């Protein structure tokens, strides 16, 4: 079965690419949910690229927040500590990949993401 594809969007402008970059950078520097959420809420109606990029990034950030919270009780049986490390490293690497794709004007479909938005 083929994974669902994202809707075709027009080629993004440089400003749209920059906003996509800003959303990813904000999620890297400690504003993992609130930074991208603000940019997405302000610009989603003006740009199909920002709307799709923001949805993907917010779904990813929310999913990894859920995964991190699920690891906390597992810390009492010691498996949670390595899992938290793996989740943190994966989130960092996947955000960097999304950042690079955003600067190229492509929408990165994050793996292991729960679709909520």
Protein backbone atom coordinates (compact mmCIF):
# COMPACT_ATOMS: atom_id res chain seq x y z
CA UNK A 1 0.00 0.00 0.00
CA UNK A 2 1.36 3.38 -0.98
CA UNK A 3 1.67 6.09 1.73
CA UNK A 4 -0.70 9.02 1.38
CA UNK A 5 0.87 11.89 -0.51
CA UNK A 6 0.78 15.53 0.33
CA UNK A 7 -1.32 17.79 -1.85
CA UNK A 8 0.54 19.39 -4.73
CA UNK A 9 1.44 22.95 -3.84
CA UNK A 10 2.70 25.73 -6.07
CA UNK A 11 6.40 26.45 -5.99
CA UNK A 12 7.02 28.42 -2.79
CA UNK A 13 8.47 31.91 -2.86
CA UNK A 14 11.71 32.74 -1.06
CA UNK A 15 9.70 34.34 1.77
CA UNK A 16 7.71 31.13 2.22
CA UNK A 17 10.93 29.08 2.26
CA UNK A 18 12.36 31.48 4.87
CA UNK A 19 9.26 31.11 7.06
CA UNK A 20 9.54 27.32 6.77
CA UNK A 21 13.17 27.63 7.84
CA UNK A 22 12.18 29.88 10.75
CA UNK A 23 9.59 27.36 11.97
CA UNK A 24 12.20 24.60 12.06
CA UNK A 25 14.84 26.78 13.70
CA UNK A 26 12.36 27.86 16.38
CA UNK A 27 11.66 24.22 17.15
CA UNK A 28 15.40 23.58 17.51
CA UNK A 29 16.14 26.48 19.87
CA UNK A 30 13.59 25.64 22.55
CA UNK A 31 10.29 26.83 21.14
CA UNK A 32 9.36 23.39 19.82
CA UNK A 33 5.59 23.93 19.82
CA UNK A 34 4.83 27.59 20.41
CA UNK A 35 7.22 29.06 17.80
CA UNK A 36 6.05 26.99 14.81
CA UNK A 37 2.44 27.26 16.01
CA UNK A 38 2.51 31.07 15.97
CA UNK A 39 4.07 31.22 12.49
CA UNK A 40 1.64 28.61 11.19
CA UNK A 41 -1.45 30.32 12.68
CA UNK A 42 -0.45 33.71 11.27
CA UNK A 43 0.51 32.55 7.75
CA UNK A 44 -1.45 29.34 7.05
CA UNK A 45 -4.26 31.11 5.18
CA UNK A 46 -1.82 33.07 3.02
CA UNK A 47 0.40 30.19 1.89
CA UNK A 48 -0.34 26.55 1.04
CA UNK A 49 3.36 25.78 1.57
CA UNK A 50 3.41 27.25 5.09
CA UNK A 51 0.12 25.51 5.90
CA UNK A 52 1.45 22.08 4.86
CA UNK A 53 4.90 22.70 6.37
CA UNK A 54 3.41 23.89 9.66
CA UNK A 55 1.00 20.96 9.91
CA UNK A 56 3.79 18.46 9.33
CA UNK A 57 6.12 20.13 11.82
CA UNK A 58 3.47 20.52 14.52
CA UNK A 59 2.30 16.93 14.11
CA UNK A 60 5.92 15.84 14.42
CA UNK A 61 6.58 17.95 17.53
CA UNK A 62 3.36 16.80 19.21
CA UNK A 63 4.12 13.16 18.39
CA UNK A 64 7.61 13.35 19.85
CA UNK A 65 6.24 15.10 22.94
CA UNK A 66 3.88 12.14 23.42
CA UNK A 67 6.75 9.68 22.88
CA UNK A 68 8.89 11.52 25.44
CA UNK A 69 6.09 11.56 28.01
CA UNK A 70 5.54 7.83 27.43
CA UNK A 71 9.23 7.21 28.18
CA UNK A 72 9.13 8.90 31.60
CA UNK A 73 7.38 6.07 33.49
CA UNK A 74 9.74 3.61 31.79
CA UNK A 75 12.68 5.37 33.47
CA UNK A 76 11.73 3.55 36.68
CA UNK A 77 12.60 0.26 34.98
CA UNK A 78 15.68 1.81 33.34
CA UNK A 79 14.56 1.24 29.74
CA UNK A 80 13.15 4.77 29.60
CA UNK A 81 16.52 6.50 29.89
CA UNK A 82 17.97 5.06 26.66
CA UNK A 83 14.60 5.53 24.97
CA UNK A 84 14.55 9.22 25.94
CA UNK A 85 18.04 9.61 24.50
CA UNK A 86 16.99 7.92 21.25
CA UNK A 87 13.83 10.05 21.02
CA UNK A 88 15.85 13.24 21.59
CA UNK A 89 18.49 12.37 19.01
CA UNK A 90 15.85 11.32 16.47
CA UNK A 91 13.89 14.53 16.99
CA UNK A 92 17.02 16.64 16.50
CA UNK A 93 18.15 14.81 13.34
CA UNK A 94 14.68 14.73 11.78
CA UNK A 95 14.19 18.44 12.49
CA UNK A 96 17.49 19.21 10.73
CA UNK A 97 16.36 17.15 7.73
CA UNK A 98 13.04 19.05 7.71
CA UNK A 99 14.94 22.34 7.91
CA UNK A 100 17.05 21.45 4.88
CA UNK A 101 13.96 20.36 2.92
CA UNK A 102 12.17 23.61 3.84
CA UNK A 103 15.05 25.68 2.46
CA UNK A 104 14.77 23.65 -0.76
CA UNK A 105 11.05 24.46 -0.95
CA UNK A 106 9.99 20.86 -0.29
CA UNK A 107 7.65 19.60 2.38
CA UNK A 108 9.30 16.90 4.46
CA UNK A 109 6.98 14.15 5.62
CA UNK A 110 8.33 13.21 9.03
CA UNK A 111 8.38 9.47 9.79
CA UNK A 112 6.66 7.97 12.88
CA UNK A 113 4.36 10.97 13.17
CA UNK A 114 0.82 10.83 14.47
CA UNK A 115 -1.47 12.93 12.25
CA UNK A 116 -3.42 15.27 14.53
CA UNK A 117 -3.79 18.47 12.49
